[in-house]
C-alpha atoms as a PDB file:
ATOM      1  CA  MET A   1     -14.629  16.225  11.437  1.00  0.00           C
ATOM      2  CA  ARG A   2     -13.318  15.285   7.995  1.00  0.00           C
ATOM      3  CA  THR A   3     -15.754  15.394   5.096  1.00  0.00           C
ATOM      4  CA  TRP A   4     -16.210  12.813   2.332  1.00  0.00           C
ATOM      5  CA  GLN A   5     -14.412  15.129  -0.078  1.00  0.00           C
ATOM      6  CA  GLU A   6     -11.436  15.618   2.253  1.00  0.00           C
ATOM      7  CA  ASP A   7     -11.010  11.875   2.766  1.00  0.00           C
ATOM      8  CA  GLN A   8     -11.116  11.154  -0.952  1.00  0.00           C
ATOM      9  CA  LEU A   9      -8.919  14.122  -1.852  1.00  0.00           C
ATOM     10  CA  HIS A  10      -6.199  12.930   0.497  1.00  0.00           C
ATOM     11  CA  ALA A  11      -6.282   9.446  -1.051  1.00  0.00           C
ATOM     12  CA  LEU A  12      -6.278  10.722  -4.631  1.00  0.00           C
ATOM     13  CA  HIS A  13      -3.389  13.126  -4.036  1.00  0.00           C
ATOM     14  CA  ALA A  14      -1.263  10.303  -2.660  1.00  0.00           C
ATOM     15  CA  VAL A  15      -1.409   8.402  -5.969  1.00  0.00           C
ATOM     16  CA  GLU A  16       1.640   8.632  -8.245  1.00  0.00           C
ATOM     17  CA  CYS A  17       0.402   6.555 -11.203  1.00  0.00           C
ATOM     18  CA  GLU A  18      -2.230   7.725 -13.674  1.00  0.00           C
ATOM     19  CA  ASN A  19      -3.692   4.232 -14.134  1.00  0.00           C
ATOM     20  CA  LYS A  20      -4.037   3.774 -10.388  1.00  0.00           C
ATOM     21  CA  LEU A  21      -5.636   7.201 -10.157  1.00  0.00           C
ATOM     22  CA  PHE A  22      -8.157   6.244 -12.827  1.00  0.00           C
ATOM     23  CA  GLU A  23      -8.993   3.047 -10.936  1.00  0.00           C
ATOM     24  CA  MET A  24      -9.851   5.181  -7.924  1.00  0.00           C
ATOM     25  CA  ILE A  25     -11.954   7.522 -10.060  1.00  0.00           C
ATOM     26  CA  VAL A  26     -13.857   4.513 -11.417  1.00  0.00           C
ATOM     27  CA  SER A  27     -14.460   3.290  -7.871  1.00  0.00           C
ATOM     28  CA  LEU A  28     -15.843   6.679  -6.824  1.00  0.00           C
ATOM     29  CA  ALA A  29     -18.018   6.767  -9.961  1.00  0.00           C
ATOM     30  CA  ARG A  30     -19.497   3.404  -8.997  1.00  0.00           C
ATOM     31  CA  ASP A  31     -20.212   4.716  -5.512  1.00  0.00           C
ATOM     32  CA  LEU A  32     -22.199   7.458  -7.228  1.00  0.00           C
ATOM     33  CA  GLY A  33     -24.229   4.906  -9.214  1.00  0.00           C
ATOM     34  CA  PHE A  34     -22.371   4.777 -12.522  1.00  0.00           C
ATOM     35  CA  ASP A  35     -20.970   1.518 -13.903  1.00  0.00           C
ATOM     36  CA  HIS A  36     -18.776   3.181 -16.492  1.00  0.00           C
ATOM     37  CA  CYS A  37     -16.400   6.079 -16.463  1.00  0.00           C
ATOM     38  CA  ALA A  38     -14.148   7.775 -19.022  1.00  0.00           C
ATOM     39  CA  TYR A  39     -11.649  10.556 -18.662  1.00  0.00           C
ATOM     40  CA  GLY A  40      -9.824  12.434 -21.412  1.00  0.00           C
ATOM     41  CA  LEU A  41      -6.984  14.906 -21.003  1.00  0.00           C
ATOM     42  CA  ARG A  42      -6.110  17.265 -23.878  1.00  0.00           C
ATOM     43  CA  MET A  43      -2.954  19.333 -24.136  1.00  0.00           C
ATOM     44  CA  PRO A  44      -3.169  22.774 -25.811  1.00  0.00           C
ATOM     45  CA  LEU A  45      -0.177  21.958 -28.030  1.00  0.00           C
ATOM     46  CA  PRO A  46       0.546  21.272 -30.803  1.00  0.00           C
ATOM     47  CA  LEU A  47      -2.301  23.318 -32.265  1.00  0.00           C
ATOM     48  CA  THR A  48      -2.932  21.074 -35.278  1.00  0.00           C
ATOM     49  CA  GLN A  49      -2.874  17.748 -33.418  1.00  0.00           C
ATOM     50  CA  PRO A  50      -3.062  18.296 -29.653  1.00  0.00           C
ATOM     51  CA  LYS A  51      -1.783  15.435 -27.540  1.00  0.00           C
ATOM     52  CA  ILE A  52      -4.575  13.467 -25.872  1.00  0.00           C
ATOM     53  CA  ALA A  53      -4.617  10.848 -23.105  1.00  0.00           C
ATOM     54  CA  MET A  54      -7.761   8.752 -22.675  1.00  0.00           C
ATOM     55  CA  PHE A  55      -8.799   6.408 -19.876  1.00  0.00           C
ATOM     56  CA  SER A  56     -11.947   4.298 -19.883  1.00  0.00           C
ATOM     57  CA  ASN A  57     -13.562   1.250 -18.336  1.00  0.00           C
ATOM     58  CA  TYR A  58     -16.134   1.087 -21.140  1.00  0.00           C
ATOM     59  CA  PRO A  59     -16.500  -2.334 -22.820  1.00  0.00           C
ATOM     60  CA  VAL A  60     -13.343  -3.019 -24.815  1.00  0.00           C
ATOM     61  CA  ALA A  61     -15.363  -3.631 -27.975  1.00  0.00           C
ATOM     62  CA  TRP A  62     -16.957  -0.186 -27.612  1.00  0.00           C
ATOM     63  CA  GLN A  63     -13.608   1.479 -27.054  1.00  0.00           C
ATOM     64  CA  ARG A  64     -12.374  -0.176 -30.253  1.00  0.00           C
ATOM     65  CA  ARG A  65     -15.481   0.902 -32.178  1.00  0.00           C
ATOM     66  CA  TYR A  66     -15.192   4.472 -30.888  1.00  0.00           C
ATOM     67  CA  GLN A  67     -11.611   4.652 -32.123  1.00  0.00           C
ATOM     68  CA  GLU A  68     -12.220   2.927 -35.452  1.00  0.00           C
ATOM     69  CA  LYS A  69     -15.159   5.231 -36.275  1.00  0.00           C
ATOM     70  CA  ASN A  70     -13.249   8.292 -35.058  1.00  0.00           C
ATOM     71  CA  TYR A  71     -16.242   9.188 -32.906  1.00  0.00           C
ATOM     72  CA  LEU A  72     -14.071  11.564 -30.906  1.00  0.00           C
ATOM     73  CA  ALA A  73     -14.352  14.070 -33.761  1.00  0.00           C
ATOM     74  CA  ALA A  74     -18.166  13.900 -33.751  1.00  0.00           C
ATOM     75  CA  ASP A  75     -18.921  13.334 -30.049  1.00  0.00           C
ATOM     76  CA  PRO A  76     -21.346  16.083 -28.897  1.00  0.00           C
ATOM     77  CA  THR A  77     -20.186  15.783 -25.284  1.00  0.00           C
ATOM     78  CA  VAL A  78     -16.625  16.543 -26.370  1.00  0.00           C
ATOM     79  CA  GLN A  79     -17.815  19.474 -28.480  1.00  0.00           C
ATOM     80  CA  HIS A  80     -19.860  20.790 -25.566  1.00  0.00           C
ATOM     81  CA  GLY A  81     -16.840  20.485 -23.288  1.00  0.00           C
ATOM     82  CA  MET A  82     -14.737  22.565 -25.670  1.00  0.00           C
ATOM     83  CA  ARG A  83     -17.267  25.399 -25.368  1.00  0.00           C
ATOM     84  CA  SER A  84     -18.512  25.157 -21.800  1.00  0.00           C
ATOM     85  CA  LEU A  85     -17.515  23.986 -18.329  1.00  0.00           C
ATOM     86  CA  LEU A  86     -21.142  23.307 -17.390  1.00  0.00           C
ATOM     87  CA  PRO A  87     -22.240  19.668 -17.010  1.00  0.00           C
ATOM     88  CA  VAL A  88     -24.261  18.061 -19.777  1.00  0.00           C
ATOM     89  CA  ILE A  89     -26.621  15.078 -19.617  1.00  0.00           C
ATOM     90  CA  TRP A  90     -26.908  12.646 -22.516  1.00  0.00           C
ATOM     91  CA  SER A  91     -30.141  13.054 -24.449  1.00  0.00           C
ATOM     92  CA  GLU A  92     -31.706  12.432 -27.831  1.00  0.00           C
ATOM     93  CA  ASN A  93     -31.439  16.124 -28.643  1.00  0.00           C
ATOM     94  CA  LEU A  94     -27.776  16.325 -27.663  1.00  0.00           C
ATOM     95  CA  PHE A  95     -26.882  13.460 -29.994  1.00  0.00           C
ATOM     96  CA  THR A  96     -29.055  14.573 -32.923  1.00  0.00           C
ATOM     97  CA  PRO A  97     -25.964  15.572 -34.977  1.00  0.00           C
ATOM     98  CA  ALA A  98     -24.352  12.193 -34.243  1.00  0.00           C
ATOM     99  CA  ARG A  99     -27.112   9.595 -34.521  1.00  0.00           C
ATOM    100  CA  GLU A 100     -24.780   6.759 -35.470  1.00  0.00           C
ATOM    101  CA  LEU A 101     -22.671   7.359 -32.370  1.00  0.00           C
ATOM    102  CA  TRP A 102     -25.778   7.501 -30.174  1.00  0.00           C
ATOM    103  CA  GLU A 103     -27.236   4.258 -31.523  1.00  0.00           C
ATOM    104  CA  ASP A 104     -23.870   2.522 -31.356  1.00  0.00           C
ATOM    105  CA  ALA A 105     -23.320   3.555 -27.739  1.00  0.00           C
ATOM    106  CA  ARG A 106     -26.780   2.350 -26.728  1.00  0.00           C
ATOM    107  CA  SER A 107     -26.138  -1.017 -28.374  1.00  0.00           C
ATOM    108  CA  PHE A 108     -23.226  -1.433 -25.948  1.00  0.00           C
ATOM    109  CA  GLY A 109     -25.392  -0.597 -22.939  1.00  0.00           C
ATOM    110  CA  LEU A 110     -24.252   3.017 -22.667  1.00  0.00           C
ATOM    111  CA  GLU A 111     -27.632   4.684 -22.426  1.00  0.00           C
ATOM    112  CA  VAL A 112     -27.457   7.185 -19.580  1.00  0.00           C
ATOM    113  CA  GLY A 113     -24.599   9.599 -19.156  1.00  0.00           C
ATOM    114  CA  TRP A 114     -23.349  12.807 -17.565  1.00  0.00           C
ATOM    115  CA  ALA A 115     -20.233  14.714 -18.560  1.00  0.00           C
ATOM    116  CA  GLN A 116     -18.359  17.804 -17.460  1.00  0.00           C
ATOM    117  CA  ALA A 117     -15.275  19.536 -18.777  1.00  0.00           C
ATOM    118  CA  SER A 118     -12.503  21.170 -16.786  1.00  0.00           C
ATOM    119  CA  ARG A 119      -9.727  23.509 -17.768  1.00  0.00           C
ATOM    120  CA  SER A 120      -6.567  24.787 -16.082  1.00  0.00           C
ATOM    121  CA  ALA A 121      -4.700  28.070 -16.461  1.00  0.00           C
ATOM    122  CA  SER A 122      -2.044  26.321 -18.553  1.00  0.00           C
ATOM    123  CA  GLY A 123      -4.641  25.489 -21.209  1.00  0.00           C
ATOM    124  CA  VAL A 124      -4.860  21.783 -20.339  1.00  0.00           C
ATOM    125  CA  SER A 125      -8.466  20.599 -20.621  1.00  0.00           C
ATOM    126  CA  GLY A 126     -10.203  17.478 -19.406  1.00  0.00           C
ATOM    127  CA  LEU A 127     -13.555  15.743 -19.724  1.00  0.00           C
ATOM    128  CA  LEU A 128     -15.041  13.316 -17.220  1.00  0.00           C
ATOM    129  CA  THR A 129     -17.949  11.149 -18.372  1.00  0.00           C
ATOM    130  CA  LEU A 130     -20.055   8.961 -16.085  1.00  0.00           C
ATOM    131  CA  ALA A 131     -22.338   6.417 -17.763  1.00  0.00           C
ATOM    132  CA  ARG A 132     -24.592   3.452 -17.071  1.00  0.00           C
ATOM    133  CA  PRO A 133     -27.262   1.358 -18.775  1.00  0.00           C
ATOM    134  CA  CYS A 134     -30.990   1.935 -18.514  1.00  0.00           C
ATOM    135  CA  GLU A 135     -31.841   3.702 -15.246  1.00  0.00           C
ATOM    136  CA  SER A 136     -32.563   7.333 -16.066  1.00  0.00           C
ATOM    137  CA  LEU A 137     -30.871  10.227 -14.326  1.00  0.00           C
ATOM    138  CA  PHE A 138     -33.739  12.084 -12.656  1.00  0.00           C
ATOM    139  CA  ASP A 139     -33.656  15.515 -11.015  1.00  0.00           C
ATOM    140  CA  ALA A 140     -33.899  14.087  -7.503  1.00  0.00           C
ATOM    141  CA  GLU A 141     -30.765  12.000  -8.013  1.00  0.00           C
ATOM    142  CA  LEU A 142     -28.907  14.936  -9.521  1.00  0.00           C
ATOM    143  CA  ARG A 143     -29.809  17.172  -6.591  1.00  0.00           C
ATOM    144  CA  GLY A 144     -28.384  14.600  -4.203  1.00  0.00           C
ATOM    145  CA  LYS A 145     -25.252  13.655  -6.132  1.00  0.00           C
ATOM    146  CA  GLU A 146     -24.245  16.331  -8.608  1.00  0.00           C
ATOM    147  CA  HIS A 147     -22.081  18.267  -6.145  1.00  0.00           C
ATOM    148  CA  LYS A 148     -19.996  15.104  -5.708  1.00  0.00           C
ATOM    149  CA  MET A 149     -19.914  14.507  -9.465  1.00  0.00           C
ATOM    150  CA  VAL A 150     -18.692  18.061 -10.069  1.00  0.00           C
ATOM    151  CA  TRP A 151     -16.137  17.642  -7.289  1.00  0.00           C
ATOM    152  CA  LEU A 152     -14.933  14.380  -8.851  1.00  0.00           C
ATOM    153  CA  THR A 153     -14.531  16.137 -12.209  1.00  0.00           C
ATOM    154  CA  GLN A 154     -12.255  18.774 -10.723  1.00  0.00           C
ATOM    155  CA  VAL A 155     -10.213  16.351  -8.645  1.00  0.00           C
ATOM    156  CA  ALA A 156      -9.768  14.017 -11.626  1.00  0.00           C
ATOM    157  CA  HIS A 157      -8.486  16.936 -13.678  1.00  0.00           C
ATOM    158  CA  LEU A 158      -6.103  18.131 -10.975  1.00  0.00           C
ATOM    159  CA  GLY A 159      -4.739  14.638 -10.458  1.00  0.00           C
ATOM    160  CA  MET A 160      -4.344  13.688 -14.103  1.00  0.00           C
ATOM    161  CA  SER A 161      -2.845  17.077 -14.947  1.00  0.00           C
ATOM    162  CA  ARG A 162      -0.333  16.705 -12.134  1.00  0.00           C
ATOM    163  CA  LEU A 163       0.736  13.257 -13.307  1.00  0.00           C
ATOM    164  CA  LEU A 164       0.656  13.686 -17.084  1.00  0.00           C
ATOM    165  CA  THR A 165       1.200  17.283 -18.163  1.00  0.00           C
ATOM    166  CA  THR A 166       4.980  17.398 -17.815  1.00  0.00           C
ATOM    167  CA  LYS A 167       5.263  13.989 -19.523  1.00  0.00           C
ATOM    168  CA  MET A 168       3.084  14.936 -22.476  1.00  0.00           C
ATOM    169  CA  MET A 169       4.077  18.580 -22.760  1.00  0.00           C
ATOM    170  CA  PRO A 170       7.554  19.316 -21.330  1.00  0.00           C
ATOM    171  CA  GLU A 171       7.208  22.974 -22.365  1.00  0.00           C
ATOM    172  CA  ILE A 172       4.905  23.506 -19.391  1.00  0.00           C
ATOM    173  CA  GLY A 173       7.947  23.482 -17.118  1.00  0.00           C
ATOM    174  CA  VAL A 174       9.647  26.381 -18.909  1.00  0.00           C
ATOM    175  CA  GLN A 175      10.504  29.381 -16.752  1.00  0.00           C
ATOM    176  CA  PHE A 176      10.677  32.831 -18.331  1.00  0.00           C
ATOM    177  CA  SER A 177      12.325  35.919 -16.905  1.00  0.00           C
ATOM    178  CA  CYS A 178      10.131  38.987 -16.391  1.00  0.00           C
ATOM    179  CA  ARG A 179      11.861  40.683 -19.323  1.00  0.00           C
ATOM    180  CA  GLU A 180      11.283  37.704 -21.632  1.00  0.00           C
ATOM    181  CA  ILE A 181       7.577  37.801 -20.785  1.00  0.00           C
ATOM    182  CA  GLU A 182       7.437  41.529 -21.482  1.00  0.00           C
ATOM    183  CA  VAL A 183       9.123  41.118 -24.850  1.00  0.00           C
ATOM    184  CA  LEU A 184       6.847  38.229 -25.843  1.00  0.00           C
ATOM    185  CA  ARG A 185       3.750  40.204 -24.863  1.00  0.00           C
ATOM    186  CA  TRP A 186       4.747  43.171 -27.013  1.00  0.00           C
ATOM    187  CA  THR A 187       5.681  40.824 -29.857  1.00  0.00           C
ATOM    188  CA  GLY A 188       2.238  39.261 -29.565  1.00  0.00           C
ATOM    189  CA  ASP A 189       0.744  42.745 -29.872  1.00  0.00           C
ATOM    190  CA  GLY A 190       2.469  43.076 -33.235  1.00  0.00           C
ATOM    191  CA  LYS A 191       5.361  45.314 -32.210  1.00  0.00           C
ATOM    192  CA  THR A 192       8.683  45.005 -34.031  1.00  0.00           C
ATOM    193  CA  SER A 193      11.960  44.511 -32.199  1.00  0.00           C
ATOM    194  CA  GLY A 194      12.779  48.172 -32.847  1.00  0.00           C
ATOM    195  CA  GLU A 195       9.467  49.344 -31.403  1.00  0.00           C
ATOM    196  CA  ILE A 196       9.878  47.104 -28.356  1.00  0.00           C
ATOM    197  CA  SER A 197      13.361  48.482 -27.745  1.00  0.00           C
ATOM    198  CA  ASP A 198      11.877  51.984 -27.628  1.00  0.00           C
ATOM    199  CA  ILE A 199       9.001  50.943 -25.372  1.00  0.00           C
ATOM    200  CA  LEU A 200      11.214  49.128 -22.866  1.00  0.00           C
ATOM    201  CA  ASN A 201      14.190  51.451 -23.248  1.00  0.00           C
ATOM    202  CA  ILE A 202      16.573  48.611 -24.087  1.00  0.00           C
ATOM    203  CA  SER A 203      18.609  47.922 -27.200  1.00  0.00           C
ATOM    204  CA  GLU A 204      17.111  46.101 -30.173  1.00  0.00           C
ATOM    205  CA  ARG A 205      19.882  43.541 -29.806  1.00  0.00           C
ATOM    206  CA  THR A 206      18.700  42.852 -26.238  1.00  0.00           C
ATOM    207  CA  VAL A 207      15.111  42.464 -27.456  1.00  0.00           C
ATOM    208  CA  ASN A 208      16.211  39.897 -30.024  1.00  0.00           C
ATOM    209  CA  PHE A 209      18.309  38.149 -27.382  1.00  0.00           C
ATOM    210  CA  HIS A 210      15.221  37.677 -25.180  1.00  0.00           C
ATOM    211  CA  ILE A 211      13.131  36.514 -28.127  1.00  0.00           C
ATOM    212  CA  GLY A 212      15.844  34.028 -29.072  1.00  0.00           C
ATOM    213  CA  ASN A 213      15.950  32.676 -25.527  1.00  0.00           C
ATOM    214  CA  ALA A 214      12.184  32.200 -25.519  1.00  0.00           C
ATOM    215  CA  MET A 215      12.324  30.377 -28.848  1.00  0.00           C
ATOM    216  CA  ILE A 216      14.988  28.006 -27.521  1.00  0.00           C
ATOM    217  CA  LYS A 217      13.084  27.299 -24.293  1.00  0.00           C
ATOM    218  CA  LEU A 218       9.865  26.529 -26.176  1.00  0.00           C
ATOM    219  CA  HIS A 219      11.547  24.716 -29.090  1.00  0.00           C
ATOM    220  CA  ALA A 220       9.812  27.206 -31.390  1.00  0.00           C
ATOM    221  CA  PRO A 221      11.042  27.659 -34.989  1.00  0.00           C
ATOM    222  CA  ASN A 222      10.301  31.395 -35.022  1.00  0.00           C
ATOM    223  CA  LYS A 223       9.131  34.214 -32.767  1.00  0.00           C
ATOM    224  CA  ALA A 224       5.505  33.974 -33.880  1.00  0.00           C
ATOM    225  CA  ALA A 225       5.384  30.321 -32.832  1.00  0.00           C
ATOM    226  CA  ALA A 226       7.076  31.212 -29.532  1.00  0.00           C
ATOM    227  CA  VAL A 227       4.398  33.808 -28.753  1.00  0.00           C
ATOM    228  CA  VAL A 228       1.558  31.426 -29.648  1.00  0.00           C
ATOM    229  CA  ARG A 229       2.998  28.608 -27.557  1.00  0.00           C
ATOM    230  CA  ALA A 230       3.638  30.842 -24.562  1.00  0.00           C
ATOM    231  CA  ALA A 231       0.129  32.296 -24.797  1.00  0.00           C
ATOM    232  CA  MET A 232      -1.530  28.863 -25.149  1.00  0.00           C
ATOM    233  CA  LEU A 233       0.307  27.705 -22.033  1.00  0.00           C
ATOM    234  CA  GLY A 234      -0.924  30.688 -20.038  1.00  0.00           C
ATOM    235  CA  MET A 235       2.573  32.081 -19.581  1.00  0.00           C
ATOM    236  CA  LEU A 236       1.803  35.605 -20.746  1.00  0.00           C
ATOM    237  CA  CYS A 237      -1.125  36.313 -18.414  1.00  0.00           C
END
């Protein structure tokens, strides 16, 4: 007998459009008792200004306010998600460092919320937020629903990552040879080309050839950037 999760997983995996996928996530969120839903996907690169995709059915005026005030930089749920994959429930204490954001959100009817981050081996991270007005989120409701909320978080991340990662970060599709990975690892450990040639028993020219190939594949301006990019994408594990 198929479970609720299996039925929904099959439907979500069949979607080939990120906006359609988000519509389905919103529908599942409503089934769980939440009027509003937001999902953000963050690429690990570039380091200074990572690419971000955001989806939300929050009131349009609130979405505009959130962007205009740059609340993303101060949002405690986002900061929590950068540090932990555990769920977090909105509370006065959580939003103490961002009182203006908290009061603003409540003025738009966003009073009760739950959020959880997700992260893949390639360094792509996501954050699913479920929200509603008024009705508190009590322990009894959490015990009955949180396993589905956690499941929805993971499925949303898998689906959005599948649809968006290669569009937003083409480097993710790069394939390295075993030797290129070896050379990049030793370079990341601070070894010079000469030292790597001794370690791997290959010529220094061959070491530099592999480093050059990696730089080209990752569109990196130098070998240090190539190592950082490869490491951030989980390619050197």
